[in-house]
Amino acid sequence: MKYEQQISAAFTKLKFSPREGQAEAINRLLVSFLDDGFKTVVLSAPTGVGKSIIAAVTAEVLHTITKPNEEFGASFLLSPTNILSDQYFSTFMKDRAPWDNLFRVVKGAAAYECPALTTDAKVVTAEDCTIRMFKKTGKQAIIDQFCETCEYNQQKAKREMSRHMITNYAVFLIDRLFIDLLKRRTLTVFDEGHLLNDLFTNFATLEYSTKSLEQLCDDIVDVLGPSGITMVTEVRAVIELMNRENGVNRENYMIILDSFQDFFEELSTSAARKAEQTNDSARYVKLKRIASKYGNELMKIVCLNEYNYDHSFEFTLPDQYKKEKISVFSVKPIFIGELFSMLEHSDYNLICSATISEEYARTTMTLENATYIRLPPVFPKENKKVVFYKAQNLNFTTLQSAEVKTKLLNACRDICQHHIDKNERGIILTPSFVINEDIANFLIAEFPRTNFIVHRKGNKMENIIEQFKFTDGNCIMITPSGYEGMDLSGDLSRFQILVKAPFASLGEARMKHIATHYSKIYSIITLMKLVQGAGRSIRGPEDWAVTYMLDSNIHRLWSSKQMAWADEFSSSSKLFLD
């Protein structure tokens, strides 16, 4: 290996020992970046490869080679959630002193409590920080007591004093689109890169309801007073349009957004200016929130106008069955596409995931000077058995049939009976809370001595998982929300039932556009979710579980050319009885 010595030194520095295949994988990445001249690598790294370690070591070597005299600035290590960021930080900082600057985790202001403002009745976060007001009004005692030791302020002061910065996508996206405070680094690691399109789409979505526009009118009056009357009149004209059939449409929505751009710019600028002029803490917080809110909306519209990206438009009138009557129109990017260039804030990019295919990456992201690498599976495929058991065509229409539903329930019973007899636990992933309830009620009646953890509307998924993990004996979890984010290793789960193909809803304009114009990508999105779901119970090389799929649509997808991960599984069409 060309970079064997540097890779070994990096593992030693990070206090890890390379697993089988990791050093070779890192060497391939380094060759792609340093020798082949690629700026971006898309890495498909199957579960168990240890992609987070691979990414960190790659960043360490890249920085050491390209910037040997710079202590800080090696990488951004991006994750979808604060929970994952904390997990990465705990992993990388194990056995290190708290003041070690090799890794630092950075979160948004909402993740930190403000001790100066929090009371027994209300928790206040650093989003409402008023340290500038304390300084203006001479409250030095409060600053000395609370602000000097504020965790958020300390994080801000020291965030660039790190070799590797661990943060979530939200913090990174806010900085790239709105703030531009974070300094460039050597490598940006987009972990769980299969989520990047959806994360960016949710972040960049422009959505306005009649309710939010009424709030806009109130904010205009609050900040601008009488000088904002013309603006309020125009916003109310839009609200009136939104109460009519086809009132906001493809001919006028961009005109409306252009007027909103002007409104948001004036409102944000005025609110920020007046916040600095007031001596009232509550007023300061309110004005800063208004300034931030509409400043962010302004930048989204500017981005849409500047890049003119492919997007969906949707307008919906109020749901007649809901008490609150609200109309909504929205604009969403179809894919991140060329907008990926906005996120490039380093010399190199590594987009990695256990489920990202080359076709998906190249279609949904405009990646200049990029290559794709797929690492071989590390788990024996015999440990990841997939069984298509009594599969039938399951969709909204067929599931209304009593015969189809009875066959589905009986299939679930057969599988559960087989594993209950072997004292094996498992999970059932369902397509909706309605089907979830039907399956749960049927199985609870069939197996009164088995514990069932049933995910019902209003329950937090993390609480359901914890309840399942800490329930002894035979136990089966039934949930419509478990395709990602569950780690059920070992005897926690030895089987899983994927009831129906998790096709994204075509009731949403963006997804309908993808299904119509990018049918292969629509299939890949479903397959990525299926592969993620099939990995919930197999978390290590020695781990094993059987995944049952009851929908013939899954079998069709599983056998298609878009299934880039077939070599990770062994498949059958009958129930395993051994």
Protein backbone atom coordinates (compact mmCIF):
# COMPACT_ATOMS: atom_id res chain seq x y z
CA MET A 1 0.00 0.00 0.00
CA LYS A 2 1.37 3.37 -0.98
CA TYR A 3 0.25 5.17 2.19
CA GLU A 4 0.66 2.29 4.64
CA GLN A 5 3.08 4.15 6.92
CA GLN A 6 0.91 7.28 7.15
CA ILE A 7 -2.23 5.21 7.72
CA SER A 8 -0.57 3.27 10.55
CA ALA A 9 0.59 6.51 12.18
CA ALA A 10 -2.92 7.96 11.95
CA PHE A 11 -4.50 4.90 13.57
CA THR A 12 -1.99 5.19 16.40
CA LYS A 13 -2.69 8.91 16.83
CA LEU A 14 -6.46 8.33 16.95
CA LYS A 15 -5.97 5.37 19.35
CA PHE A 16 -7.62 2.76 17.14
CA SER A 17 -6.46 -0.54 15.73
CA PRO A 18 -7.47 -1.20 12.12
CA ARG A 19 -10.03 -3.90 11.47
CA GLU A 20 -9.56 -6.24 8.56
CA GLY A 21 -9.81 -4.34 5.30
CA GLN A 22 -9.89 -0.83 6.81
CA ALA A 23 -6.30 0.13 5.98
CA GLU A 24 -6.75 -1.06 2.39
CA ALA A 25 -9.98 0.94 2.08
CA ILE A 26 -8.31 4.09 3.41
CA ASN A 27 -5.43 3.61 0.99
CA ARG A 28 -7.93 3.45 -1.92
CA LEU A 29 -9.48 6.72 -0.77
CA LEU A 30 -6.11 8.43 -0.41
CA VAL A 31 -5.03 7.28 -3.87
CA SER A 32 -8.28 8.61 -5.31
CA PHE A 33 -7.75 12.01 -3.68
CA LEU A 34 -3.99 12.50 -3.83
CA ASP A 35 -2.87 10.53 -6.88
CA ASP A 36 -5.90 10.38 -9.14
CA GLY A 37 -6.86 13.97 -8.37
CA PHE A 38 -10.51 13.45 -7.47
CA LYS A 39 -12.11 16.13 -5.29
CA THR A 40 -15.07 13.97 -4.23
CA VAL A 41 -15.37 10.27 -3.45
CA VAL A 42 -18.73 8.55 -2.95
CA LEU A 43 -18.08 5.57 -0.67
CA SER A 44 -20.53 2.71 -0.29
CA ALA A 45 -19.35 1.00 2.89
CA PRO A 46 -21.50 -1.93 4.09
CA THR A 47 -22.50 -2.17 7.73
CA GLY A 48 -19.62 -3.42 9.84
CA VAL A 49 -16.85 -1.89 7.74
CA GLY A 50 -16.47 0.94 10.25
CA LYS A 51 -16.94 3.87 7.89
CA SER A 52 -16.69 6.50 10.64
CA ILE A 53 -13.20 5.28 11.59
CA ILE A 54 -12.23 5.03 7.92
CA ALA A 55 -13.38 8.62 7.36
CA ALA A 56 -11.56 10.01 10.40
CA VAL A 57 -8.28 8.26 9.56
CA THR A 58 -8.55 9.39 5.93
CA ALA A 59 -9.02 12.98 7.08
CA GLU A 60 -6.08 12.70 9.46
CA VAL A 61 -3.73 11.41 6.75
CA LEU A 62 -4.94 13.93 4.14
CA HIS A 63 -4.37 16.82 6.52
CA THR A 64 -0.97 15.55 7.64
CA ILE A 65 0.23 15.18 4.05
CA THR A 66 -1.26 18.34 2.53
CA LYS A 67 -0.97 20.72 5.51
CA PRO A 68 1.78 19.33 7.76
CA ASN A 69 2.28 22.59 9.64
CA GLU A 70 -1.40 23.21 10.53
CA GLU A 71 -2.56 21.73 13.81
CA PHE A 72 -6.28 22.36 13.30
CA GLY A 73 -8.72 22.16 10.41
CA ALA A 74 -8.49 18.54 9.25
CA SER A 75 -12.17 17.71 8.84
CA PHE A 76 -15.87 18.31 9.23
CA LEU A 77 -17.45 15.02 10.33
CA LEU A 78 -21.16 15.50 9.59
CA SER A 79 -23.97 13.37 11.01
CA PRO A 80 -27.78 13.59 10.67
CA THR A 81 -28.51 14.12 14.39
CA ASN A 82 -27.02 15.41 17.63
CA ILE A 83 -27.39 11.91 19.07
CA LEU A 84 -25.10 10.47 16.39
CA SER A 85 -22.69 13.38 16.80
CA ASP A 86 -22.46 12.61 20.52
CA GLN A 87 -21.90 8.92 19.76
CA TYR A 88 -19.06 9.76 17.36
CA PHE A 89 -17.53 12.13 19.90
CA SER A 90 -17.69 9.49 22.65
CA THR A 91 -16.11 6.93 20.32
CA PHE A 92 -13.27 9.15 19.18
CA MET A 93 -12.59 10.75 22.57
CA LYS A 94 -12.49 7.51 24.55
CA ASP A 95 -9.45 7.48 26.86
CA ARG A 96 -8.61 11.08 25.95
CA ALA A 97 -8.42 14.08 28.24
CA PRO A 98 -11.44 16.45 28.10
CA TRP A 99 -9.17 19.30 26.95
CA ASP A 100 -7.78 17.29 24.03
CA ASN A 101 -8.40 19.29 20.81
CA LEU A 102 -8.15 16.37 18.41
CA PHE A 103 -11.97 16.11 18.20
CA ARG A 104 -14.60 18.66 19.15
CA VAL A 105 -18.37 18.36 18.87
CA VAL A 106 -20.30 21.46 17.75
CA LYS A 107 -24.07 21.86 18.08
CA GLY A 108 -26.61 24.58 17.43
CA ALA A 109 -27.70 27.06 20.10
CA ALA A 110 -30.94 25.17 20.75
CA ALA A 111 -28.93 22.24 22.16
CA TYR A 112 -27.60 24.32 25.07
CA GLU A 113 -29.50 25.58 28.09
CA CYS A 114 -28.97 29.20 29.09
CA PRO A 115 -28.36 29.16 32.87
CA ALA A 116 -28.82 32.91 33.16
CA LEU A 117 -32.36 32.89 31.75
CA THR A 118 -33.68 29.44 32.72
CA THR A 119 -36.09 29.31 35.66
CA ASP A 120 -37.89 26.53 37.50
CA ALA A 121 -40.91 27.24 35.31
CA LYS A 122 -39.18 27.50 31.94
CA VAL A 123 -36.04 26.19 30.27
CA VAL A 124 -34.45 28.78 27.95
CA THR A 125 -31.84 27.81 25.38
CA ALA A 126 -28.86 29.73 24.02
CA GLU A 127 -31.01 30.70 21.01
CA ASP A 128 -32.31 33.47 23.26
CA CYS A 129 -28.90 34.53 24.54
CA THR A 130 -29.00 38.12 25.83
CA ILE A 131 -25.38 38.63 26.88
CA ARG A 132 -25.26 41.79 24.75
CA MET A 133 -28.22 43.14 26.72
CA PHE A 134 -26.49 42.28 29.99
CA LYS A 135 -23.47 44.28 28.81
CA LYS A 136 -25.59 47.24 27.67
CA THR A 137 -27.50 47.40 30.95
CA GLY A 138 -24.45 46.92 33.17
CA LYS A 139 -25.37 43.50 34.57
CA GLN A 140 -21.79 42.39 35.01
CA ALA A 141 -22.64 40.19 38.00
CA ILE A 142 -24.87 37.99 35.80
CA ILE A 143 -22.15 37.82 33.15
CA ASP A 144 -19.57 36.79 35.75
CA GLN A 145 -21.87 34.18 37.28
CA PHE A 146 -23.34 32.61 34.16
CA CYS A 147 -21.96 33.84 30.86
CA GLU A 148 -18.27 33.27 31.47
CA THR A 149 -18.92 29.57 32.07
CA CYS A 150 -21.68 29.19 29.44
CA GLU A 151 -21.14 25.93 27.54
CA TYR A 152 -22.45 27.42 24.29
CA ASN A 153 -20.16 30.46 24.45
CA GLN A 154 -17.19 28.24 25.26
CA GLN A 155 -18.03 26.02 22.29
CA LYS A 156 -18.23 29.03 19.96
CA ALA A 157 -14.91 30.36 21.20
CA LYS A 158 -13.11 27.04 20.76
CA ARG A 159 -14.88 25.38 17.81
CA GLU A 160 -12.11 26.20 15.34
CA MET A 161 -9.50 24.95 17.81
CA SER A 162 -10.05 21.37 16.76
CA ARG A 163 -8.38 19.08 14.31
CA HIS A 164 -11.64 17.26 13.58
CA MET A 165 -15.00 19.03 14.03
CA ILE A 166 -17.97 16.76 14.64
CA THR A 167 -21.30 18.44 13.93
CA ASN A 168 -24.73 17.76 12.50
CA TYR A 169 -26.02 18.60 9.06
CA ALA A 170 -28.32 21.34 10.37
CA VAL A 171 -25.43 23.36 11.84
CA PHE A 172 -23.38 22.89 8.68
CA LEU A 173 -26.24 23.80 6.31
CA ILE A 174 -27.13 26.91 8.27
CA ASP A 175 -23.55 28.05 8.11
CA ARG A 176 -23.15 27.33 4.39
CA LEU A 177 -26.41 29.02 3.38
CA PHE A 178 -26.80 31.82 5.87
CA ILE A 179 -23.82 32.64 8.09
CA ASP A 180 -20.45 31.57 6.62
CA LEU A 181 -18.53 31.59 9.89
CA LEU A 182 -16.94 28.14 9.83
CA LYS A 183 -13.45 28.09 8.32
CA ARG A 184 -12.56 25.79 5.43
CA ARG A 185 -11.11 22.39 6.28
CA THR A 186 -9.22 19.67 4.47
CA LEU A 187 -12.01 17.08 4.22
CA THR A 188 -15.78 17.20 4.65
CA VAL A 189 -17.26 13.81 5.54
CA PHE A 190 -20.95 13.52 4.67
CA ASP A 191 -21.82 10.51 6.81
CA GLU A 192 -25.10 8.70 6.06
CA GLY A 193 -24.81 10.35 2.65
CA HIS A 194 -27.93 8.58 1.35
CA LEU A 195 -29.90 11.06 3.50
CA LEU A 196 -28.21 14.16 2.05
CA ASN A 197 -30.86 14.85 -0.59
CA ASP A 198 -33.76 14.65 1.84
CA LEU A 199 -31.94 16.61 4.54
CA PHE A 200 -31.09 19.39 2.13
CA THR A 201 -34.59 19.38 0.61
CA ASN A 202 -36.22 19.71 4.02
CA PHE A 203 -33.80 22.48 4.89
CA ALA A 204 -34.32 24.45 1.67
CA THR A 205 -38.09 23.98 1.42
CA LEU A 206 -40.15 27.15 1.10
CA GLU A 207 -43.55 26.58 2.70
CA TYR A 208 -46.18 29.17 3.52
CA SER A 209 -49.61 28.63 5.03
CA THR A 210 -52.43 31.08 5.59
CA LYS A 211 -51.60 30.78 9.31
CA SER A 212 -47.87 31.57 8.85
CA LEU A 213 -48.73 34.53 6.62
CA GLU A 214 -51.08 35.92 9.27
CA GLN A 215 -48.07 35.72 11.63
CA LEU A 216 -46.00 37.51 8.99
CA CYS A 217 -48.55 40.36 9.01
CA ASP A 218 -48.32 40.58 12.81
CA ASP A 219 -44.52 40.64 12.66
CA ILE A 220 -44.54 43.39 10.01
CA VAL A 221 -46.81 45.56 12.16
CA ASP A 222 -44.72 44.81 15.26
CA VAL A 223 -41.40 45.74 13.64
CA LEU A 224 -42.29 48.35 11.00
CA GLY A 225 -45.44 49.90 12.44
CA PRO A 226 -47.40 52.21 10.09
CA SER A 227 -44.64 52.14 7.46
CA GLY A 228 -45.42 48.47 6.88
CA ILE A 229 -49.10 48.92 5.99
CA THR A 230 -48.53 48.50 2.23
CA MET A 231 -46.60 45.32 2.87
CA VAL A 232 -49.38 43.95 5.10
CA THR A 233 -51.97 44.73 2.42
CA GLU A 234 -50.01 42.74 -0.17
CA VAL A 235 -49.55 39.77 2.17
CA ARG A 236 -53.28 39.75 2.93
CA ALA A 237 -53.96 39.72 -0.80
CA VAL A 238 -51.91 36.52 -1.01
CA ILE A 239 -53.88 35.05 1.92
CA GLU A 240 -57.07 35.84 0.01
CA LEU A 241 -55.69 34.04 -3.05
CA MET A 242 -54.87 31.02 -0.90
CA ASN A 243 -58.52 30.71 0.10
CA ARG A 244 -59.53 30.14 -3.53
CA GLU A 245 -59.36 27.06 -5.71
CA ASN A 246 -56.13 27.28 -7.72
CA GLY A 247 -55.55 30.73 -6.21
CA VAL A 248 -51.80 30.23 -5.98
CA ASN A 249 -50.65 28.45 -9.13
CA ARG A 250 -47.74 27.86 -11.48
CA GLU A 251 -48.30 31.21 -13.16
CA ASN A 252 -48.09 33.36 -10.03
CA TYR A 253 -46.14 31.57 -7.28
CA MET A 254 -42.74 32.92 -8.38
CA ILE A 255 -44.19 36.47 -8.49
CA ILE A 256 -45.40 35.96 -4.93
CA LEU A 257 -41.98 34.66 -3.83
CA ASP A 258 -40.24 37.66 -5.42
CA SER A 259 -42.44 40.03 -3.38
CA PHE A 260 -41.77 37.95 -0.25
CA GLN A 261 -38.04 38.32 -0.90
CA ASP A 262 -38.35 42.10 -0.67
CA PHE A 263 -40.57 41.88 2.43
CA PHE A 264 -38.24 39.48 4.23
CA GLU A 265 -35.18 41.59 3.49
CA GLU A 266 -36.72 44.74 4.92
CA LEU A 267 -38.27 42.96 7.89
CA SER A 268 -35.09 41.07 8.81
CA THR A 269 -32.85 44.12 8.48
CA SER A 270 -35.19 46.37 10.48
CA ALA A 271 -35.69 43.79 13.25
CA ALA A 272 -31.93 43.29 13.64
CA ARG A 273 -31.33 47.04 13.78
CA LYS A 274 -34.08 47.68 16.33
CA ALA A 275 -32.88 44.78 18.48
CA GLU A 276 -29.56 46.56 18.92
CA GLN A 277 -31.35 49.77 19.88
CA THR A 278 -33.60 48.41 22.62
CA ASN A 279 -32.73 48.04 26.30
CA ASP A 280 -35.59 45.63 26.99
CA SER A 281 -34.44 42.01 27.17
CA ALA A 282 -37.74 40.42 26.14
CA ARG A 283 -38.04 42.82 23.20
CA TYR A 284 -34.46 42.11 22.18
CA VAL A 285 -35.08 38.35 22.09
CA LYS A 286 -38.27 38.74 20.06
CA LEU A 287 -36.66 41.04 17.51
CA LYS A 288 -33.61 38.80 17.11
CA ARG A 289 -35.89 35.82 16.49
CA ILE A 290 -37.82 37.73 13.83
CA ALA A 291 -34.59 38.86 12.19
CA SER A 292 -33.24 35.31 12.10
CA LYS A 293 -36.49 33.73 10.92
CA TYR A 294 -37.05 35.99 7.93
CA GLY A 295 -33.35 36.28 7.17
CA ASN A 296 -33.28 32.52 6.66
CA GLU A 297 -36.38 32.61 4.48
CA LEU A 298 -34.82 35.41 2.44
CA MET A 299 -31.71 33.35 1.71
CA LYS A 300 -33.79 30.37 0.58
CA ILE A 301 -35.59 32.50 -1.99
CA VAL A 302 -32.32 34.11 -3.10
CA CYS A 303 -30.89 30.61 -3.55
CA LEU A 304 -33.90 29.56 -5.67
CA ASN A 305 -33.60 32.64 -7.88
CA GLU A 306 -29.82 32.43 -8.21
CA TYR A 307 -29.61 28.72 -9.04
CA ASN A 308 -33.05 28.32 -10.66
CA TYR A 309 -32.93 24.69 -9.55
CA ASP A 310 -35.42 22.00 -10.57
CA HIS A 311 -38.19 22.07 -7.98
CA SER A 312 -41.74 20.99 -7.22
CA PHE A 313 -44.62 23.35 -6.55
CA GLU A 314 -47.67 22.34 -4.55
CA PHE A 315 -50.77 24.21 -3.40
CA THR A 316 -53.41 22.62 -1.16
CA LEU A 317 -56.69 23.99 0.13
CA PRO A 318 -57.82 23.25 3.70
CA ASP A 319 -58.68 19.70 4.66
CA GLN A 320 -62.46 19.72 5.10
CA TYR A 321 -62.20 17.13 7.87
CA LYS A 322 -59.86 19.20 10.02
CA LYS A 323 -61.11 21.81 12.43
CA GLU A 324 -58.39 24.34 11.63
CA LYS A 325 -58.74 25.54 8.02
CA ILE A 326 -55.29 26.21 6.58
CA SER A 327 -54.16 26.48 2.96
CA VAL A 328 -50.51 25.82 2.11
CA PHE A 329 -48.19 26.31 -0.84
CA SER A 330 -44.67 24.96 -1.00
CA VAL A 331 -41.59 24.85 -3.21
CA LYS A 332 -39.05 22.04 -2.76
CA PRO A 333 -35.82 21.14 -4.55
CA ILE A 334 -36.18 17.85 -6.43
CA PHE A 335 -32.55 16.89 -5.79
CA ILE A 336 -29.57 18.69 -4.34
CA GLY A 337 -28.08 18.71 -7.87
CA GLU A 338 -25.71 21.60 -8.52
CA LEU A 339 -26.57 23.05 -5.13
CA PHE A 340 -23.99 20.60 -3.77
CA SER A 341 -21.42 23.24 -4.75
CA MET A 342 -22.84 25.44 -1.98
CA LEU A 343 -21.86 22.80 0.56
CA GLU A 344 -18.27 22.41 -0.59
CA HIS A 345 -16.20 24.00 2.15
CA SER A 346 -13.07 21.87 2.05
CA ASP A 347 -10.36 20.65 -0.28
CA TYR A 348 -11.96 17.20 -0.53
CA ASN A 349 -15.38 15.62 0.02
CA LEU A 350 -16.21 12.11 1.20
CA ILE A 351 -19.87 11.07 0.85
CA CYS A 352 -20.28 7.76 2.64
CA SER A 353 -23.13 5.44 3.50
CA ALA A 354 -23.96 1.76 3.79
CA THR A 355 -26.67 2.33 1.19
CA ILE A 356 -25.72 4.70 -1.59
CA SER A 357 -25.37 3.54 -5.18
CA GLU A 358 -23.38 5.16 -7.96
CA GLU A 359 -26.51 5.72 -10.05
CA TYR A 360 -28.26 7.45 -7.16
CA ALA A 361 -25.28 9.68 -6.35
CA ARG A 362 -24.63 10.73 -9.94
CA THR A 363 -28.30 11.42 -10.70
CA THR A 364 -29.19 13.36 -7.56
CA MET A 365 -25.97 15.33 -7.02
CA THR A 366 -23.94 17.36 -9.49
CA LEU A 367 -20.48 16.17 -8.46
CA GLU A 368 -17.55 17.57 -10.38
CA ASN A 369 -14.36 15.53 -10.48
CA ALA A 370 -15.84 12.62 -8.51
CA THR A 371 -15.43 8.85 -8.33
CA TYR A 372 -17.38 6.01 -6.71
CA ILE A 373 -15.97 3.23 -4.52
CA ARG A 374 -17.88 0.27 -3.10
CA LEU A 375 -16.24 -1.80 -0.41
CA PRO A 376 -17.00 -5.54 -0.20
CA PRO A 377 -19.33 -6.83 2.53
CA VAL A 378 -17.68 -7.92 5.78
CA PHE A 379 -20.62 -9.90 7.18
CA PRO A 380 -21.15 -13.44 5.82
CA LYS A 381 -24.23 -13.24 3.62
CA GLU A 382 -25.42 -16.53 5.16
CA ASN A 383 -25.96 -14.53 8.36
CA LYS A 384 -28.25 -12.11 6.51
CA LYS A 385 -30.95 -14.40 5.19
CA VAL A 386 -33.87 -12.87 3.31
CA VAL A 387 -37.06 -14.93 2.95
CA PHE A 388 -39.91 -13.95 0.64
CA TYR A 389 -42.64 -15.70 2.58
CA LYS A 390 -46.12 -16.02 1.05
CA ALA A 391 -45.51 -12.74 -0.73
CA GLN A 392 -48.52 -11.04 -2.30
CA ASN A 393 -49.09 -7.71 -4.04
CA LEU A 394 -49.62 -5.25 -1.19
CA ASN A 395 -50.83 -1.71 -1.85
CA PHE A 396 -53.56 0.58 -0.55
CA THR A 397 -56.21 -1.08 -2.71
CA THR A 398 -55.30 -4.73 -2.12
CA LEU A 399 -54.99 -4.16 1.63
CA GLN A 400 -58.71 -3.32 1.68
CA SER A 401 -59.39 -6.94 0.73
CA ALA A 402 -60.30 -9.20 3.65
CA GLU A 403 -58.68 -12.15 1.89
CA VAL A 404 -55.36 -10.31 1.39
CA LYS A 405 -55.33 -9.01 4.93
CA THR A 406 -56.11 -12.45 6.37
CA LYS A 407 -53.26 -13.99 4.39
CA LEU A 408 -50.93 -11.22 5.61
CA LEU A 409 -51.91 -11.72 9.27
CA ASN A 410 -51.50 -15.48 8.99
CA ALA A 411 -48.03 -15.05 7.46
CA CYS A 412 -47.02 -12.87 10.41
CA ARG A 413 -48.42 -15.51 12.78
CA ASP A 414 -46.49 -18.34 11.08
CA ILE A 415 -43.20 -16.45 11.31
CA CYS A 416 -43.73 -15.38 14.91
CA GLN A 417 -44.72 -18.93 15.91
CA HIS A 418 -41.57 -20.32 14.30
CA HIS A 419 -39.32 -17.97 16.29
CA ILE A 420 -41.29 -17.94 19.54
CA ASP A 421 -40.89 -21.72 19.62
CA LYS A 422 -37.12 -21.13 19.41
CA ASN A 423 -37.24 -18.41 22.11
CA GLU A 424 -36.11 -15.79 19.59
CA ARG A 425 -37.10 -12.14 19.67
CA GLY A 426 -37.83 -9.97 16.65
CA ILE A 427 -39.35 -6.86 15.09
CA ILE A 428 -42.12 -6.19 12.57
CA LEU A 429 -41.85 -3.09 10.34
CA THR A 430 -45.29 -2.06 9.08
CA PRO A 431 -46.41 0.48 6.44
CA SER A 432 -48.73 2.58 8.64
CA PHE A 433 -50.16 2.96 12.13
CA VAL A 434 -53.46 1.47 10.89
CA ILE A 435 -51.83 -1.76 9.64
CA ASN A 436 -49.56 -1.65 12.70
CA GLU A 437 -52.61 -1.80 14.96
CA ASP A 438 -54.28 -4.59 12.95
CA ILE A 439 -51.18 -6.80 13.10
CA ALA A 440 -50.59 -6.02 16.78
CA ASN A 441 -54.17 -6.85 17.85
CA PHE A 442 -54.13 -10.10 15.87
CA LEU A 443 -50.77 -11.31 17.23
CA ILE A 444 -51.50 -10.31 20.84
CA ALA A 445 -54.62 -12.49 20.69
CA GLU A 446 -52.70 -15.35 19.06
CA PHE A 447 -49.76 -15.27 21.50
CA PRO A 448 -51.02 -14.14 24.93
CA ARG A 449 -47.79 -15.24 26.69
CA THR A 450 -45.50 -13.19 24.42
CA ASN A 451 -44.57 -9.60 25.16
CA PHE A 452 -45.46 -7.20 22.34
CA ILE A 453 -44.08 -3.66 22.27
CA VAL A 454 -46.49 -1.77 20.02
CA HIS A 455 -45.62 1.64 18.59
CA ARG A 456 -48.74 3.79 18.64
CA LYS A 457 -49.32 7.34 17.46
CA GLY A 458 -47.83 9.85 19.87
CA ASN A 459 -45.15 7.46 21.17
CA LYS A 460 -41.54 8.50 20.68
CA MET A 461 -39.57 5.94 18.73
CA GLU A 462 -36.60 6.10 21.11
CA ASN A 463 -38.91 5.17 24.02
CA ILE A 464 -40.29 2.20 22.09
CA ILE A 465 -36.77 0.95 21.35
CA GLU A 466 -35.69 1.31 24.98
CA GLN A 467 -38.80 -0.53 26.17
CA PHE A 468 -38.08 -3.36 23.73
CA LYS A 469 -34.43 -3.61 24.74
CA PHE A 470 -35.21 -3.80 28.45
CA THR A 471 -38.11 -6.27 28.22
CA ASP A 472 -36.90 -9.76 29.14
CA GLY A 473 -37.89 -12.98 27.47
CA ASN A 474 -39.92 -13.48 24.30
CA CYS A 475 -40.63 -10.04 22.91
CA ILE A 476 -41.69 -8.66 19.52
CA MET A 477 -41.70 -4.97 18.60
CA ILE A 478 -44.23 -3.73 16.02
CA THR A 479 -43.59 -0.30 14.50
CA PRO A 480 -44.03 1.72 11.29
CA SER A 481 -40.93 3.80 12.04
CA GLY A 482 -37.97 1.46 12.42
CA TYR A 483 -36.17 1.37 9.10
CA GLU A 484 -33.27 3.45 10.42
CA GLY A 485 -31.74 4.36 13.76
CA MET A 486 -32.16 1.01 15.55
CA ASP A 487 -29.24 -1.11 16.73
CA LEU A 488 -30.62 -4.48 17.79
CA SER A 489 -27.54 -6.66 17.95
CA GLY A 490 -27.21 -10.22 19.18
CA ASP A 491 -30.17 -11.88 20.86
CA LEU A 492 -32.11 -8.61 21.01
CA SER A 493 -33.54 -9.52 17.61
CA ARG A 494 -33.12 -12.68 15.53
CA PHE A 495 -35.85 -11.99 12.98
CA GLN A 496 -37.54 -9.07 11.34
CA ILE A 497 -40.61 -8.83 9.13
CA LEU A 498 -40.77 -6.14 6.47
CA VAL A 499 -44.47 -6.16 5.73
CA LYS A 500 -44.72 -3.90 2.69
CA ALA A 501 -42.40 -2.10 0.27
CA PRO A 502 -41.81 1.35 1.84
CA PHE A 503 -42.58 3.37 -1.28
CA ALA A 504 -42.52 7.11 -0.63
CA SER A 505 -45.99 8.66 -0.90
CA LEU A 506 -46.95 9.94 -4.34
CA GLY A 507 -49.34 12.32 -2.64
CA GLU A 508 -46.42 14.71 -2.25
CA ALA A 509 -45.60 16.73 -5.39
CA ARG A 510 -41.82 16.32 -5.12
CA MET A 511 -41.96 12.54 -4.81
CA LYS A 512 -44.52 12.28 -7.60
CA HIS A 513 -42.12 14.26 -9.81
CA ILE A 514 -39.29 11.86 -8.96
CA ALA A 515 -41.46 8.79 -9.63
CA THR A 516 -42.62 10.24 -12.97
CA HIS A 517 -39.33 11.59 -14.30
CA TYR A 518 -36.76 9.50 -12.40
CA SER A 519 -38.44 6.12 -11.96
CA LYS A 520 -35.13 4.33 -11.34
CA ILE A 521 -34.25 6.75 -8.55
CA TYR A 522 -37.70 6.24 -7.03
CA SER A 523 -36.96 2.49 -6.97
CA ILE A 524 -33.48 3.06 -5.51
CA ILE A 525 -34.92 5.26 -2.73
CA THR A 526 -37.21 2.37 -1.77
CA LEU A 527 -34.39 -0.17 -1.99
CA MET A 528 -32.10 1.96 0.18
CA LYS A 529 -34.79 2.01 2.85
CA LEU A 530 -35.30 -1.75 2.54
CA VAL A 531 -31.58 -2.47 2.87
CA GLN A 532 -31.40 -0.16 5.87
CA GLY A 533 -34.36 -1.99 7.42
CA ALA A 534 -32.81 -5.38 6.71
CA GLY A 535 -29.76 -4.32 8.71
CA ARG A 536 -31.47 -3.43 11.97
CA SER A 537 -30.84 -6.85 13.56
CA ILE A 538 -27.45 -7.75 12.06
CA ARG A 539 -24.83 -5.45 13.59
CA GLY A 540 -21.59 -7.45 13.58
CA PRO A 541 -19.67 -10.17 11.69
CA GLU A 542 -20.83 -12.85 14.13
CA ASP A 543 -24.39 -11.55 14.34
CA TRP A 544 -27.26 -13.13 12.38
CA ALA A 545 -30.97 -12.70 11.75
CA VAL A 546 -33.61 -13.67 9.20
CA THR A 547 -35.49 -10.95 7.33
CA TYR A 548 -38.95 -11.88 6.02
CA MET A 549 -40.54 -9.86 3.22
CA LEU A 550 -44.26 -10.27 2.58
CA ASP A 551 -44.78 -7.99 -0.42
CA SER A 552 -44.21 -9.25 -3.98
CA ASN A 553 -43.27 -5.67 -4.91
CA ILE A 554 -40.22 -6.04 -2.69
CA HIS A 555 -39.26 -9.21 -4.57
CA ARG A 556 -39.53 -7.32 -7.88
CA LEU A 557 -37.28 -4.51 -6.58
CA TRP A 558 -34.87 -6.94 -4.92
CA SER A 559 -34.37 -8.68 -8.27
CA SER A 560 -33.92 -5.47 -10.30
CA LYS A 561 -30.73 -3.92 -11.67
CA GLN A 562 -31.12 -1.08 -9.17
CA MET A 563 -30.43 -3.49 -6.29
CA ALA A 564 -26.75 -2.68 -5.77
CA TRP A 565 -26.45 -4.57 -2.47
CA ALA A 566 -27.63 -8.08 -3.42
CA ASP A 567 -24.26 -9.64 -2.56
CA GLU A 568 -24.80 -8.77 1.10
CA PHE A 569 -27.74 -11.17 1.48
CA SER A 570 -28.75 -14.76 0.82
CA SER A 571 -32.33 -15.11 -0.42
CA SER A 572 -34.99 -17.81 -0.35
CA SER A 573 -38.71 -18.17 -1.00
CA LYS A 574 -39.63 -20.51 1.85
CA LEU A 575 -39.69 -20.32 5.62
CA PHE A 576 -36.49 -21.54 7.24
CA LEU A 577 -37.28 -24.33 9.66
CA ASP A 578 -33.72 -25.12 10.81
